[in-house]
Every structure is written in structure tokens, then in C-alpha cells.
Amino acid sequence: MKKITTLLMTVLIVSSCRLIDQQDDANEKPTVAVTTKDSTMVNDKDENGCLASAGYVWSKVNKECVKGFSGIQLNPTGKQDNQDETLSAYVLFNEDASQAEVFLPKDTASIVLTRGAEGKPWILKDWQLVPWKGYVLKKGAVNMFSGDGEIGKKEIETDTQQ
């Protein structure tokens, strides 16, 4: 009888310990691993979904994300041999060329100029884009930027043959 009682007590103690361990496991809150964000995974899309870190901006006239340094490059007047793309303005046209969107250096928003008729300049307030030996962008009576009308980056004094 003593052996049975001892055996029952041992089984009861062991099973109650297991029950307590199971309840403790159930009551524990799961731990969440805290990690720092990888800078390459940060979402830097603008309100239109353009990926700014890749150089994309929203084109108002084309209604799509475009590379910031795409379009027709206009260099600052007096610095036609400019190699710094960040000092240049860029022009994109809509399909029928009735509107010209100008991305000015150091401005986050573009300006949209409208053309009255073919052969006439595109105008917005005191800005004018004049088609003359390429394009000339004027603010008031002052020539601010000009370019040859070629799309893309201009390379000056390169040692590669074209």
C-alpha cells in the first residue's frame, strides 16, 4: 500500500509540474525581434509612386514617372560647356507638343508652359521657351538656359568616337 501511495504521489507531482509549465508557456507573450530598417528597403516613393532615390520624378504632361535628367538638356546661359547636370534645366513635351514641361535645377516641382500655335513659344507667366537654334528658356527678357534640342546628357571633350 505504501508503494502504491508513493507511486500515486510521484505521478501526481510530475503531472502537476507539466501542467504548470504548459500554462506558463501559454501565458508568455511572443517576443518580436526588433531589427533596424535596411536603408535600401526604405520606401521613398513620392505621392505619385515615383522612386525618388532612383532619380524618377512625376511628369505632369506625360502622366508617368520619368528620369529627372531625361528630355532636352538646357544649360545655363554663358555655361554651354556645363558638365554638371544638376545646373541644367530639362524639357519634356506632351504628344502633340502643345505643352512643354520644364524641370529647373534645384526646384522640386516642374512648370508647364503652353503653346498657342506651331512656331510660337511656350509660355507660362514670365517664362518662355523659344524654339530658336534648339531651345532658349527665358524668364522675362533674360535668357536663362539654352540648348541644341538634343535629348539626353551632353558630353563635351570625350575621348570616345561617336
N, C-alpha and C. Protein backbone atom coordinates (compact mmCIF):
# COMPACT_ATOMS: atom_id res chain seq x y z
N MET A 1 0.81 -1.18 0.00
CA MET A 1 0.00 0.00 0.00
C MET A 1 0.86 1.25 0.00
N LYS A 2 1.93 1.20 0.74
CA LYS A 2 2.85 2.32 0.78
C LYS A 2 3.45 2.58 -0.58
N LYS A 3 3.75 1.52 -1.31
CA LYS A 3 4.35 1.68 -2.63
C LYS A 3 3.35 2.31 -3.60
N ILE A 4 2.12 1.92 -3.51
CA ILE A 4 1.10 2.47 -4.41
C ILE A 4 0.88 3.94 -4.10
N THR A 5 0.83 4.28 -2.82
CA THR A 5 0.64 5.67 -2.42
C THR A 5 1.82 6.52 -2.88
N THR A 6 3.02 6.03 -2.72
CA THR A 6 4.21 6.75 -3.15
C THR A 6 4.22 6.92 -4.66
N LEU A 7 3.84 5.87 -5.34
CA LEU A 7 3.78 5.93 -6.80
C LEU A 7 2.72 6.94 -7.26
N LEU A 8 1.56 6.94 -6.63
CA LEU A 8 0.50 7.89 -6.97
C LEU A 8 0.94 9.32 -6.69
N MET A 9 1.61 9.53 -5.57
CA MET A 9 2.09 10.88 -5.22
C MET A 9 3.12 11.37 -6.24
N THR A 10 3.99 10.49 -6.68
CA THR A 10 5.02 10.85 -7.65
C THR A 10 4.38 11.22 -8.99
N VAL A 11 3.42 10.40 -9.44
CA VAL A 11 2.73 10.67 -10.70
C VAL A 11 1.97 11.99 -10.61
N LEU A 12 1.32 12.22 -9.48
CA LEU A 12 0.56 13.45 -9.28
C LEU A 12 1.47 14.68 -9.30
N ILE A 13 2.61 14.59 -8.65
CA ILE A 13 3.55 15.72 -8.62
C ILE A 13 4.12 15.99 -10.01
N VAL A 14 4.51 14.97 -10.73
CA VAL A 14 5.09 15.12 -12.07
C VAL A 14 4.06 15.71 -13.03
N SER A 15 2.84 15.19 -12.99
CA SER A 15 1.82 15.70 -13.91
C SER A 15 1.43 17.13 -13.57
N SER A 16 1.41 17.50 -12.32
CA SER A 16 1.08 18.89 -11.95
C SER A 16 2.19 19.84 -12.39
N CYS A 17 3.43 19.40 -12.35
CA CYS A 17 4.54 20.24 -12.82
C CYS A 17 4.43 20.48 -14.33
N ARG A 18 4.06 19.44 -15.06
CA ARG A 18 3.88 19.60 -16.51
C ARG A 18 2.74 20.56 -16.82
N LEU A 19 1.66 20.46 -16.06
CA LEU A 19 0.52 21.34 -16.25
C LEU A 19 0.89 22.79 -15.99
N ILE A 20 1.67 23.04 -14.95
CA ILE A 20 2.12 24.40 -14.63
C ILE A 20 3.02 24.94 -15.73
N ASP A 21 3.94 24.10 -16.26
CA ASP A 21 4.82 24.53 -17.36
C ASP A 21 4.03 24.88 -18.61
N GLN A 22 3.01 24.09 -18.93
CA GLN A 22 2.19 24.35 -20.11
C GLN A 22 1.43 25.67 -19.97
N GLN A 23 0.92 25.94 -18.76
CA GLN A 23 0.19 27.18 -18.53
C GLN A 23 1.12 28.39 -18.63
N ASP A 24 2.34 28.26 -18.11
CA ASP A 24 3.33 29.35 -18.22
C ASP A 24 3.67 29.64 -19.67
N ASP A 25 3.82 28.57 -20.47
CA ASP A 25 4.12 28.74 -21.89
C ASP A 25 2.97 29.45 -22.61
N ALA A 26 1.75 29.12 -22.26
CA ALA A 26 0.59 29.72 -22.90
C ALA A 26 0.45 31.21 -22.52
N ASN A 27 0.85 31.56 -21.31
CA ASN A 27 0.71 32.94 -20.85
C ASN A 27 1.84 33.86 -21.31
N GLU A 28 2.93 33.29 -21.77
CA GLU A 28 4.04 34.12 -22.22
C GLU A 28 3.67 34.84 -23.51
N LYS A 29 4.03 36.10 -23.58
CA LYS A 29 3.80 36.88 -24.80
C LYS A 29 4.91 36.56 -25.79
N PRO A 30 4.53 36.39 -27.03
CA PRO A 30 5.57 36.10 -28.01
C PRO A 30 6.50 37.31 -28.15
N THR A 31 7.77 37.05 -28.24
CA THR A 31 8.74 38.13 -28.39
C THR A 31 8.91 38.45 -29.86
N VAL A 32 8.92 39.71 -30.16
CA VAL A 32 9.09 40.16 -31.54
C VAL A 32 10.52 40.64 -31.70
N ALA A 33 11.18 40.12 -32.69
CA ALA A 33 12.55 40.53 -32.94
C ALA A 33 12.55 41.96 -33.49
N VAL A 34 13.31 42.82 -32.89
CA VAL A 34 13.42 44.21 -33.32
C VAL A 34 14.66 44.32 -34.19
N THR A 35 14.44 44.77 -35.42
CA THR A 35 15.56 44.94 -36.33
C THR A 35 15.54 46.35 -36.87
N THR A 36 16.68 46.84 -37.24
CA THR A 36 16.76 48.16 -37.85
C THR A 36 16.43 48.03 -39.32
N LYS A 37 15.84 49.08 -39.85
CA LYS A 37 15.49 49.05 -41.27
C LYS A 37 16.75 49.16 -42.12
N ASP A 38 16.79 48.33 -43.11
CA ASP A 38 17.86 48.41 -44.09
C ASP A 38 17.57 49.62 -44.96
N SER A 39 18.54 50.50 -45.16
CA SER A 39 18.30 51.73 -45.90
C SER A 39 17.89 51.48 -47.35
N THR A 40 18.22 50.32 -47.88
CA THR A 40 17.83 50.04 -49.26
C THR A 40 16.37 49.64 -49.35
N MET A 41 15.76 49.31 -48.24
CA MET A 41 14.37 48.87 -48.25
C MET A 41 13.41 50.00 -47.88
N VAL A 42 13.90 51.18 -47.59
CA VAL A 42 13.05 52.28 -47.20
C VAL A 42 12.21 52.71 -48.41
N ASN A 43 10.95 52.93 -48.17
CA ASN A 43 10.05 53.32 -49.25
C ASN A 43 10.17 54.83 -49.46
N ASP A 44 10.80 55.24 -50.54
CA ASP A 44 10.96 56.67 -50.81
C ASP A 44 10.20 57.08 -52.05
N LYS A 45 9.07 56.45 -52.27
CA LYS A 45 8.23 56.82 -53.41
C LYS A 45 7.48 58.09 -53.07
N ASP A 46 7.29 58.93 -54.09
CA ASP A 46 6.53 60.15 -53.86
C ASP A 46 5.03 59.86 -53.95
N GLU A 47 4.22 60.90 -53.87
CA GLU A 47 2.76 60.71 -53.86
C GLU A 47 2.23 60.10 -55.15
N ASN A 48 3.02 60.14 -56.22
CA ASN A 48 2.60 59.54 -57.49
C ASN A 48 3.21 58.15 -57.72
N GLY A 49 4.01 57.68 -56.76
CA GLY A 49 4.60 56.35 -56.88
C GLY A 49 5.96 56.34 -57.56
N CYS A 50 6.55 57.51 -57.80
CA CYS A 50 7.86 57.58 -58.45
C CYS A 50 8.96 57.34 -57.42
N LEU A 51 9.94 56.55 -57.78
CA LEU A 51 11.04 56.20 -56.89
C LEU A 51 12.11 57.29 -56.95
N ALA A 52 12.09 58.16 -55.97
CA ALA A 52 12.98 59.32 -55.96
C ALA A 52 14.46 58.93 -55.86
N SER A 53 14.77 57.89 -55.10
CA SER A 53 16.17 57.51 -54.94
C SER A 53 16.78 57.01 -56.24
N ALA A 54 15.95 56.60 -57.18
CA ALA A 54 16.43 56.16 -58.49
C ALA A 54 16.41 57.31 -59.50
N GLY A 55 16.04 58.50 -59.05
CA GLY A 55 16.06 59.67 -59.92
C GLY A 55 14.78 59.91 -60.70
N TYR A 56 13.69 59.26 -60.31
CA TYR A 56 12.44 59.43 -61.02
C TYR A 56 11.59 60.55 -60.42
N VAL A 57 10.93 61.30 -61.29
CA VAL A 57 10.01 62.36 -60.89
C VAL A 57 8.73 62.21 -61.72
N TRP A 58 7.66 62.82 -61.25
CA TRP A 58 6.39 62.73 -61.95
C TRP A 58 6.32 63.78 -63.05
N SER A 59 5.98 63.36 -64.25
CA SER A 59 5.78 64.27 -65.36
C SER A 59 4.30 64.60 -65.45
N LYS A 60 3.99 65.88 -65.31
CA LYS A 60 2.59 66.32 -65.37
C LYS A 60 2.02 66.19 -66.77
N VAL A 61 2.83 66.45 -67.79
CA VAL A 61 2.31 66.41 -69.15
C VAL A 61 2.22 64.99 -69.71
N ASN A 62 3.10 64.10 -69.29
CA ASN A 62 3.08 62.73 -69.79
C ASN A 62 2.38 61.76 -68.84
N LYS A 63 2.05 62.22 -67.64
CA LYS A 63 1.33 61.42 -66.64
C LYS A 63 2.02 60.10 -66.33
N GLU A 64 3.35 60.17 -66.11
CA GLU A 64 4.12 58.99 -65.76
C GLU A 64 5.41 59.41 -65.07
N CYS A 65 6.05 58.43 -64.43
CA CYS A 65 7.35 58.69 -63.79
C CYS A 65 8.42 58.72 -64.87
N VAL A 66 9.28 59.72 -64.81
CA VAL A 66 10.37 59.85 -65.78
C VAL A 66 11.66 60.10 -65.02
N LYS A 67 12.77 59.79 -65.64
CA LYS A 67 14.07 60.12 -65.05
C LYS A 67 14.21 61.64 -65.01
N GLY A 68 14.72 62.15 -63.92
CA GLY A 68 14.86 63.59 -63.76
C GLY A 68 15.76 64.23 -64.79
N PHE A 69 16.78 63.52 -65.24
CA PHE A 69 17.72 64.08 -66.20
C PHE A 69 17.44 63.55 -67.61
N SER A 70 16.18 63.37 -67.93
CA SER A 70 15.83 62.96 -69.29
C SER A 70 15.23 64.15 -70.00
N GLY A 71 14.99 64.00 -71.25
CA GLY A 71 14.45 65.11 -72.01
C GLY A 71 15.55 65.93 -72.65
N ILE A 72 15.19 67.12 -73.07
CA ILE A 72 16.14 68.01 -73.73
C ILE A 72 16.88 68.82 -72.67
N GLN A 73 18.18 68.72 -72.68
CA GLN A 73 19.01 69.41 -71.69
C GLN A 73 19.27 70.84 -72.15
N LEU A 74 18.98 71.78 -71.26
CA LEU A 74 19.27 73.19 -71.49
C LEU A 74 20.27 73.65 -70.44
N ASN A 75 21.43 74.10 -70.90
CA ASN A 75 22.47 74.54 -69.98
C ASN A 75 22.29 76.01 -69.64
N PRO A 76 22.82 76.43 -68.50
CA PRO A 76 22.73 77.84 -68.14
C PRO A 76 23.38 78.72 -69.21
N THR A 77 22.76 79.84 -69.51
CA THR A 77 23.32 80.76 -70.49
C THR A 77 24.69 81.21 -70.01
N GLY A 78 25.64 81.18 -70.92
CA GLY A 78 27.01 81.55 -70.56
C GLY A 78 27.84 80.36 -70.11
N LYS A 79 27.21 79.20 -69.91
CA LYS A 79 27.94 77.99 -69.49
C LYS A 79 27.51 76.84 -70.39
N GLN A 80 27.63 77.01 -71.69
CA GLN A 80 27.19 75.98 -72.62
C GLN A 80 28.03 74.71 -72.55
N ASP A 81 29.23 74.80 -71.99
CA ASP A 81 30.07 73.61 -71.83
C ASP A 81 29.88 72.98 -70.45
N ASN A 82 28.78 73.28 -69.81
CA ASN A 82 28.47 72.79 -68.47
C ASN A 82 28.47 71.25 -68.44
N GLN A 83 29.16 70.67 -67.49
CA GLN A 83 29.19 69.21 -67.32
C GLN A 83 28.37 68.76 -66.12
N ASP A 84 27.93 69.71 -65.29
CA ASP A 84 27.18 69.40 -64.09
C ASP A 84 25.69 69.37 -64.42
N GLU A 85 25.11 68.16 -64.47
CA GLU A 85 23.71 68.00 -64.83
C GLU A 85 22.77 68.70 -63.85
N THR A 86 23.21 68.87 -62.62
CA THR A 86 22.33 69.48 -61.62
C THR A 86 22.15 70.97 -61.83
N LEU A 87 22.94 71.58 -62.71
CA LEU A 87 22.79 73.00 -63.02
C LEU A 87 21.94 73.24 -64.26
N SER A 88 21.58 72.19 -64.95
CA SER A 88 20.83 72.30 -66.20
C SER A 88 19.34 72.18 -65.97
N ALA A 89 18.58 72.74 -66.91
CA ALA A 89 17.13 72.56 -66.95
C ALA A 89 16.83 71.47 -67.98
N TYR A 90 15.71 70.79 -67.83
CA TYR A 90 15.33 69.74 -68.76
C TYR A 90 13.89 69.97 -69.22
N VAL A 91 13.65 69.71 -70.50
CA VAL A 91 12.34 69.95 -71.10
C VAL A 91 11.77 68.65 -71.65
N LEU A 92 10.51 68.38 -71.32
CA LEU A 92 9.75 67.27 -71.90
C LEU A 92 8.51 67.84 -72.55
N PHE A 93 8.10 67.24 -73.65
CA PHE A 93 6.91 67.69 -74.36
C PHE A 93 5.82 66.63 -74.29
N ASN A 94 4.56 67.07 -74.36
CA ASN A 94 3.48 66.09 -74.48
C ASN A 94 3.43 65.61 -75.93
N GLU A 95 2.51 64.70 -76.23
CA GLU A 95 2.49 64.06 -77.55
C GLU A 95 2.34 65.03 -78.72
N ASP A 96 1.48 66.03 -78.58
CA ASP A 96 1.27 66.95 -79.70
C ASP A 96 2.11 68.23 -79.60
N ALA A 97 3.02 68.26 -78.63
CA ALA A 97 3.94 69.39 -78.41
C ALA A 97 3.22 70.71 -78.11
N SER A 98 1.99 70.62 -77.59
CA SER A 98 1.28 71.84 -77.21
C SER A 98 1.69 72.29 -75.81
N GLN A 99 2.30 71.40 -75.05
CA GLN A 99 2.79 71.73 -73.71
C GLN A 99 4.24 71.30 -73.56
N ALA A 100 4.98 72.12 -72.84
CA ALA A 100 6.37 71.81 -72.51
C ALA A 100 6.50 71.84 -71.00
N GLU A 101 7.02 70.77 -70.45
CA GLU A 101 7.25 70.70 -69.01
C GLU A 101 8.73 70.95 -68.75
N VAL A 102 9.01 71.92 -67.90
CA VAL A 102 10.40 72.31 -67.63
C VAL A 102 10.74 71.94 -66.19
N PHE A 103 11.83 71.18 -66.04
CA PHE A 103 12.37 70.84 -64.74
C PHE A 103 13.58 71.74 -64.51
N LEU A 104 13.43 72.69 -63.60
CA LEU A 104 14.50 73.64 -63.32
C LEU A 104 15.43 73.06 -62.26
N PRO A 105 16.71 73.44 -62.29
CA PRO A 105 17.64 72.93 -61.28
C PRO A 105 17.23 73.43 -59.89
N LYS A 106 17.38 72.58 -58.91
CA LYS A 106 17.12 72.88 -57.51
C LYS A 106 15.65 73.16 -57.21
N ASP A 107 14.74 72.90 -58.15
CA ASP A 107 13.31 73.03 -57.89
C ASP A 107 12.72 71.63 -57.83
N THR A 108 11.85 71.39 -56.87
CA THR A 108 11.24 70.07 -56.76
C THR A 108 10.03 69.92 -57.67
N ALA A 109 9.39 71.02 -58.01
CA ALA A 109 8.23 70.95 -58.89
C ALA A 109 8.59 71.49 -60.27
N SER A 110 7.95 70.92 -61.27
CA SER A 110 8.18 71.38 -62.64
C SER A 110 7.18 72.48 -62.98
N ILE A 111 7.44 73.17 -64.08
CA ILE A 111 6.48 74.16 -64.58
C ILE A 111 6.03 73.71 -65.97
N VAL A 112 4.76 73.95 -66.27
CA VAL A 112 4.20 73.53 -67.55
C VAL A 112 3.86 74.78 -68.36
N LEU A 113 4.52 74.90 -69.51
CA LEU A 113 4.29 76.02 -70.41
C LEU A 113 3.39 75.55 -71.55
N THR A 114 2.54 76.45 -72.06
CA THR A 114 1.60 76.10 -73.12
C THR A 114 1.88 76.93 -74.35
N ARG A 115 1.71 76.28 -75.50
CA ARG A 115 1.98 76.91 -76.79
C ARG A 115 0.65 77.25 -77.49
N GLY A 116 0.56 78.48 -77.99
CA GLY A 116 -0.65 78.90 -78.68
C GLY A 116 -0.77 78.30 -80.07
N ALA A 117 0.31 78.27 -80.81
CA ALA A 117 0.30 77.74 -82.17
C ALA A 117 1.71 77.30 -82.54
N GLU A 118 1.81 76.46 -83.57
CA GLU A 118 3.11 75.98 -84.01
C GLU A 118 3.97 77.16 -84.45
N GLY A 119 5.24 77.11 -84.06
CA GLY A 119 6.17 78.19 -84.38
C GLY A 119 6.21 79.28 -83.31
N LYS A 120 5.25 79.26 -82.40
CA LYS A 120 5.19 80.23 -81.30
C LYS A 120 5.88 79.65 -80.07
N PRO A 121 6.28 80.50 -79.13
CA PRO A 121 6.91 79.98 -77.91
C PRO A 121 5.88 79.38 -76.96
N TRP A 122 6.35 78.53 -76.06
CA TRP A 122 5.54 78.00 -74.97
C TRP A 122 5.63 79.02 -73.85
N ILE A 123 4.54 79.34 -73.18
CA ILE A 123 4.52 80.45 -72.21
C ILE A 123 3.80 80.03 -70.93
N LEU A 124 4.33 80.50 -69.80
CA LEU A 124 3.66 80.45 -68.50
C LEU A 124 4.14 81.66 -67.72
N LYS A 125 3.23 82.60 -67.51
CA LYS A 125 3.53 83.85 -66.80
C LYS A 125 4.73 84.52 -67.47
N ASP A 126 5.85 84.69 -66.73
CA ASP A 126 7.01 85.36 -67.32
C ASP A 126 8.04 84.38 -67.90
N TRP A 127 7.73 83.08 -67.92
CA TRP A 127 8.61 82.07 -68.53
C TRP A 127 8.22 81.87 -69.99
N GLN A 128 9.23 81.74 -70.84
CA GLN A 128 9.02 81.44 -72.26
C GLN A 128 10.06 80.43 -72.72
N LEU A 129 9.60 79.45 -73.48
CA LEU A 129 10.51 78.51 -74.12
C LEU A 129 10.41 78.79 -75.61
N VAL A 130 11.50 79.32 -76.16
CA VAL A 130 11.52 79.77 -77.55
C VAL A 130 12.27 78.74 -78.40
N PRO A 131 11.64 78.26 -79.49
CA PRO A 131 12.36 77.35 -80.39
C PRO A 131 13.26 78.14 -81.33
N TRP A 132 14.53 78.26 -80.95
CA TRP A 132 15.48 79.03 -81.76
C TRP A 132 16.85 78.38 -81.63
N LYS A 133 17.38 77.84 -82.73
CA LYS A 133 18.66 77.11 -82.73
C LYS A 133 18.66 76.08 -81.60
N GLY A 134 17.63 75.29 -81.56
CA GLY A 134 17.38 74.39 -80.44
C GLY A 134 16.28 75.04 -79.62
N TYR A 135 16.58 75.34 -78.36
CA TYR A 135 15.61 75.99 -77.49
C TYR A 135 16.30 76.97 -76.57
N VAL A 136 15.58 78.07 -76.28
CA VAL A 136 16.05 79.07 -75.32
C VAL A 136 14.94 79.24 -74.29
N LEU A 137 15.28 79.10 -73.02
CA LEU A 137 14.33 79.31 -71.93
C LEU A 137 14.62 80.69 -71.33
N LYS A 138 13.58 81.53 -71.37
CA LYS A 138 13.72 82.91 -70.91
C LYS A 138 12.80 83.15 -69.72
N LYS A 139 13.27 83.98 -68.83
CA LYS A 139 12.42 84.48 -67.75
C LYS A 139 12.37 85.98 -67.92
N GLY A 140 11.22 86.48 -68.31
CA GLY A 140 11.12 87.87 -68.69
C GLY A 140 11.90 88.08 -69.97
N ALA A 141 12.80 89.06 -69.97
CA ALA A 141 13.63 89.33 -71.14
C ALA A 141 15.01 88.69 -71.04
N VAL A 142 15.25 87.94 -69.96
CA VAL A 142 16.59 87.38 -69.71
C VAL A 142 16.64 85.92 -70.16
N ASN A 143 17.63 85.60 -70.99
CA ASN A 143 17.88 84.21 -71.40
C ASN A 143 18.51 83.48 -70.22
N MET A 144 17.82 82.48 -69.71
CA MET A 144 18.30 81.74 -68.55
C MET A 144 19.04 80.45 -68.95
N PHE A 145 18.45 79.69 -69.90
CA PHE A 145 19.00 78.40 -70.33
C PHE A 145 18.85 78.29 -71.84
N SER A 146 19.75 77.51 -72.45
CA SER A 146 19.61 77.22 -73.88
C SER A 146 20.27 75.88 -74.19
N GLY A 147 19.82 75.29 -75.29
CA GLY A 147 20.37 74.00 -75.69
C GLY A 147 20.08 73.72 -77.14
N ASP A 148 20.72 72.68 -77.65
CA ASP A 148 20.64 72.37 -79.08
C ASP A 148 19.42 71.56 -79.47
N GLY A 149 18.59 71.19 -78.54
CA GLY A 149 17.39 70.43 -78.86
C GLY A 149 17.59 68.93 -78.86
N GLU A 150 18.80 68.47 -78.56
CA GLU A 150 19.09 67.04 -78.50
C GLU A 150 18.66 66.49 -77.14
N ILE A 151 18.10 65.30 -77.14
CA ILE A 151 17.67 64.67 -75.89
C ILE A 151 18.85 64.02 -75.20
N GLY A 152 18.91 64.18 -73.87
CA GLY A 152 19.90 63.49 -73.05
C GLY A 152 21.09 64.34 -72.67
N LYS A 153 21.97 63.70 -71.91
CA LYS A 153 23.16 64.34 -71.38
C LYS A 153 24.14 64.67 -72.49
N LYS A 154 24.74 65.85 -72.39
CA LYS A 154 25.74 66.28 -73.37
C LYS A 154 27.13 65.99 -72.82
N GLU A 155 27.93 65.33 -73.63
CA GLU A 155 29.30 65.05 -73.23
C GLU A 155 30.24 65.90 -74.08
N ILE A 156 31.04 66.67 -73.40
CA ILE A 156 31.95 67.57 -74.08
C ILE A 156 33.37 67.08 -73.86
N GLU A 157 34.16 67.15 -74.92
CA GLU A 157 35.57 66.74 -74.86
C GLU A 157 35.73 65.30 -74.41
N THR A 158 34.99 64.39 -75.02
CA THR A 158 35.16 62.99 -74.69
C THR A 158 36.22 62.38 -75.59
N ASP A 159 36.82 61.31 -75.15
CA ASP A 159 37.84 60.65 -75.97
C ASP A 159 37.27 59.40 -76.63
N THR A 160 35.93 59.26 -76.64
CA THR A 160 35.32 58.15 -77.36
C THR A 160 34.80 58.66 -78.69
N GLN A 161 34.89 57.82 -79.71
CA GLN A 161 34.41 58.23 -81.02
C GLN A 161 32.93 57.93 -81.14
N GLN A 162 32.22 58.77 -81.86
CA GLN A 162 30.78 58.61 -82.00
C GLN A 162 30.45 57.82 -83.23
